[in-house]
């Protein structure tokens, strides 16, 4: 790879990292070609991009990011073979990795970047898999916001039915 090609790749990666709220660093070495292709297929189905790039190029791209991205915690994870997983849903790669690992020992989670938070180590996979997506959180908030009005409306309807029943009973008694 020429110096110009490396420079272009670093810039492309920098741009990708800058535009990504979530990405994972994994080690999928020692998996057979068939297993890697299966894993890539699972990622592709969920809209996750898997890239394998030299650690030095990844580090240079990360170092070129603005300080507010807070990616310094990832540098120590850039040792040995590294695959990068770019995603739009924070927990999607963790769920796929967890499921895939039920039958395989790899890929191993090296680190994950979730909206300025860095999760380091394979033991974080369960924590990451349990994260709620933005859609889940929005649905929860909307449900909570709708709850009080629904309760008030239900109470008013119930009270209205009780009141109309009471009036009907009183009317029937007065006629008798």
Protein backbone atom coordinates (compact mmCIF):
# COMPACT_ATOMS: atom_id res chain seq x y z
CA UNK A 1 0.00 0.00 0.00
CA UNK A 2 1.47 3.34 -1.01
CA UNK A 3 1.71 6.34 1.31
CA UNK A 4 -1.02 8.13 -0.68
CA UNK A 5 -3.35 5.12 -0.33
CA UNK A 6 -2.68 4.98 3.40
CA UNK A 7 -3.41 8.69 3.73
CA UNK A 8 -6.71 8.26 1.87
CA UNK A 9 -7.66 5.27 4.04
CA UNK A 10 -6.83 7.16 7.25
CA UNK A 11 -8.99 10.08 6.11
CA UNK A 12 -11.83 7.73 5.17
CA UNK A 13 -11.62 6.01 8.57
CA UNK A 14 -11.43 9.36 10.40
CA UNK A 15 -14.57 10.49 8.63
CA UNK A 16 -16.31 7.19 9.41
CA UNK A 17 -15.33 7.35 13.11
CA UNK A 18 -16.38 10.99 13.34
CA UNK A 19 -19.81 10.20 11.91
CA UNK A 20 -20.35 7.10 14.06
CA UNK A 21 -21.88 7.21 17.50
CA UNK A 22 -21.25 3.49 17.94
CA UNK A 23 -18.49 1.14 16.82
CA UNK A 24 -16.86 -2.01 18.12
CA UNK A 25 -13.32 -3.40 17.94
CA UNK A 26 -13.13 -7.20 17.84
CA UNK A 27 -10.64 -10.00 17.22
CA UNK A 28 -12.01 -12.53 14.76
CA UNK A 29 -8.67 -14.09 13.84
CA UNK A 30 -8.49 -17.88 13.75
CA UNK A 31 -12.07 -18.17 12.48
CA UNK A 32 -12.35 -20.15 9.28
CA UNK A 33 -13.27 -18.38 6.06
CA UNK A 34 -16.69 -20.05 6.18
CA UNK A 35 -17.36 -18.79 9.73
CA UNK A 36 -16.14 -15.28 8.90
CA UNK A 37 -18.45 -15.20 5.88
CA UNK A 38 -21.37 -16.37 8.05
CA UNK A 39 -20.56 -13.68 10.61
CA UNK A 40 -20.29 -10.99 7.93
CA UNK A 41 -23.68 -12.13 6.62
CA UNK A 42 -25.26 -11.74 10.07
CA UNK A 43 -23.77 -8.26 10.38
CA UNK A 44 -24.89 -7.31 6.87
CA UNK A 45 -28.49 -8.34 7.64
CA UNK A 46 -28.53 -5.89 10.56
CA UNK A 47 -26.85 -3.06 8.65
CA UNK A 48 -23.51 -3.42 10.45
CA UNK A 49 -20.36 -2.77 8.43
CA UNK A 50 -17.36 -4.97 9.24
CA UNK A 51 -13.88 -3.74 8.23
CA UNK A 52 -10.42 -5.18 8.85
CA UNK A 53 -7.71 -2.51 8.87
CA UNK A 54 -4.19 -2.27 10.29
CA UNK A 55 -4.10 -1.02 13.86
CA UNK A 56 -1.62 1.76 13.07
CA UNK A 57 -3.99 3.21 10.47
CA UNK A 58 -6.95 2.92 12.85
CA UNK A 59 -4.99 4.67 15.59
CA UNK A 60 -3.96 7.52 13.28
CA UNK A 61 -7.59 7.96 12.23
CA UNK A 62 -8.73 7.97 15.87
CA UNK A 63 -6.01 10.44 16.87
CA UNK A 64 -7.25 12.84 14.16
CA UNK A 65 -10.70 13.04 15.79
CA UNK A 66 -11.78 16.04 17.87
CA UNK A 67 -11.04 15.71 21.61
CA UNK A 68 -14.76 15.70 22.52
CA UNK A 69 -15.12 12.23 20.93
CA UNK A 70 -13.05 10.85 23.88
CA UNK A 71 -11.58 7.84 22.04
CA UNK A 72 -8.28 7.65 23.94
CA UNK A 73 -9.51 4.64 25.92
CA UNK A 74 -9.52 2.58 22.71
CA UNK A 75 -5.80 2.89 21.98
CA UNK A 76 -4.73 0.01 24.24
CA UNK A 77 -7.17 -2.29 22.43
CA UNK A 78 -5.40 -1.77 19.12
CA UNK A 79 -3.10 -4.78 19.43
CA UNK A 80 -3.25 -7.94 17.37
CA UNK A 81 -5.80 -8.57 14.61
CA UNK A 82 -8.66 -6.08 14.74
CA UNK A 83 -12.03 -5.92 13.01
CA UNK A 84 -14.07 -2.74 13.23
CA UNK A 85 -17.86 -2.93 13.37
CA UNK A 86 -19.71 0.28 12.46
CA UNK A 87 -23.37 0.36 13.48
CA UNK A 88 -26.36 2.67 13.90
CA UNK A 89 -27.82 0.63 16.78
CA UNK A 90 -25.67 0.51 19.92
CA UNK A 91 -26.50 -3.03 21.03
CA UNK A 92 -26.86 -4.80 17.66
CA UNK A 93 -23.23 -5.99 17.27
CA UNK A 94 -23.13 -7.22 20.88
CA UNK A 95 -26.29 -9.28 20.38
CA UNK A 96 -24.90 -10.84 17.19
CA UNK A 97 -21.51 -11.52 18.80
CA UNK A 98 -23.16 -13.10 21.82
CA UNK A 99 -25.36 -15.32 19.65
CA UNK A 100 -22.46 -16.28 17.35
CA UNK A 101 -20.28 -17.11 20.33
CA UNK A 102 -22.72 -19.74 21.55
CA UNK A 103 -21.15 -22.04 18.92
CA UNK A 104 -17.70 -20.40 18.47
CA UNK A 105 -14.95 -19.02 20.72
CA UNK A 106 -14.44 -15.93 18.60
CA UNK A 107 -14.81 -13.10 17.80
CA UNK A 108 -13.62 -11.61 21.05
CA UNK A 109 -14.76 -8.12 21.96
CA UNK A 110 -11.74 -5.87 22.45
CA UNK A 111 -13.60 -2.62 23.01
CA UNK A 112 -16.74 -0.71 22.09
CA UNK A 113 -17.39 2.99 21.65
CA UNK A 114 -20.92 3.99 22.61
CA UNK A 115 -21.60 7.73 22.34
CA UNK A 116 -18.34 8.93 24.03
CA UNK A 117 -18.26 5.98 26.48
CA UNK A 118 -15.62 3.30 26.00
CA UNK A 119 -16.26 -0.30 27.08
CA UNK A 120 -13.07 -2.36 27.20
CA UNK A 121 -12.84 -6.14 27.35
CA UNK A 122 -14.80 -9.19 26.34
CA UNK A 123 -16.61 -9.31 29.69
CA UNK A 124 -18.53 -6.17 28.59
CA UNK A 125 -20.46 -8.07 25.90
CA UNK A 126 -23.42 -8.83 28.20
CA UNK A 127 -23.66 -5.20 29.33
CA UNK A 128 -23.59 -4.01 25.72
CA UNK A 129 -26.16 -6.58 24.57
CA UNK A 130 -28.59 -5.32 27.24
CA UNK A 131 -28.31 -1.66 26.20
CA UNK A 132 -31.56 -0.23 24.94
CA UNK A 133 -31.64 1.28 21.47
CA UNK A 134 -32.80 4.86 20.90
CA UNK A 135 -36.05 3.50 19.49
CA UNK A 136 -36.67 1.41 22.64
CA UNK A 137 -35.94 4.39 24.88
CA UNK A 138 -38.20 6.71 22.86
CA UNK A 139 -41.03 4.18 22.98
CA UNK A 140 -40.59 3.92 26.75
CA UNK A 141 -40.64 7.70 27.22
CA UNK A 142 -43.70 8.08 24.99
CA UNK A 143 -45.44 5.34 26.94
CA UNK A 144 -44.65 7.11 30.21
CA UNK A 145 -45.86 10.43 28.85
CA UNK A 146 -49.12 8.89 27.66
CA UNK A 147 -49.75 7.03 30.90
CA UNK A 148 -51.09 9.90 33.08
CA UNK A 149 -53.58 11.20 30.48
CA UNK A 150 -54.81 7.66 29.85
CA UNK A 151 -55.32 7.15 33.57
CA UNK A 152 -57.24 10.44 33.93
CA UNK A 153 -59.43 9.67 30.90
CA UNK A 154 -60.15 6.15 32.14
CA UNK A 155 -61.07 7.52 35.58
CA UNK A 156 -63.37 10.15 34.08
CA UNK A 157 -65.07 7.58 31.86
CA UNK A 158 -65.48 5.22 34.80
CA UNK A 159 -66.83 8.02 37.00
CA UNK A 160 -69.19 9.09 34.21
CA UNK A 161 -70.57 5.57 33.92
CA UNK A 162 -70.98 5.34 37.68
CA UNK A 163 -72.72 8.71 37.81
CA UNK A 164 -75.08 7.86 34.94
CA UNK A 165 -75.86 4.52 36.59
CA UNK A 166 -76.60 6.25 39.88
CA UNK A 167 -78.87 8.82 38.17
CA UNK A 168 -80.71 6.05 36.34
CA UNK A 169 -81.29 4.18 39.59
CA UNK A 170 -82.56 7.33 41.35
CA UNK A 171 -84.87 8.06 38.42
CA UNK A 172 -86.30 4.53 38.55
CA UNK A 173 -86.88 4.83 42.31
CA UNK A 174 -88.65 8.18 41.97
CA UNK A 175 -91.01 6.68 39.37
CA UNK A 176 -91.95 3.84 41.70
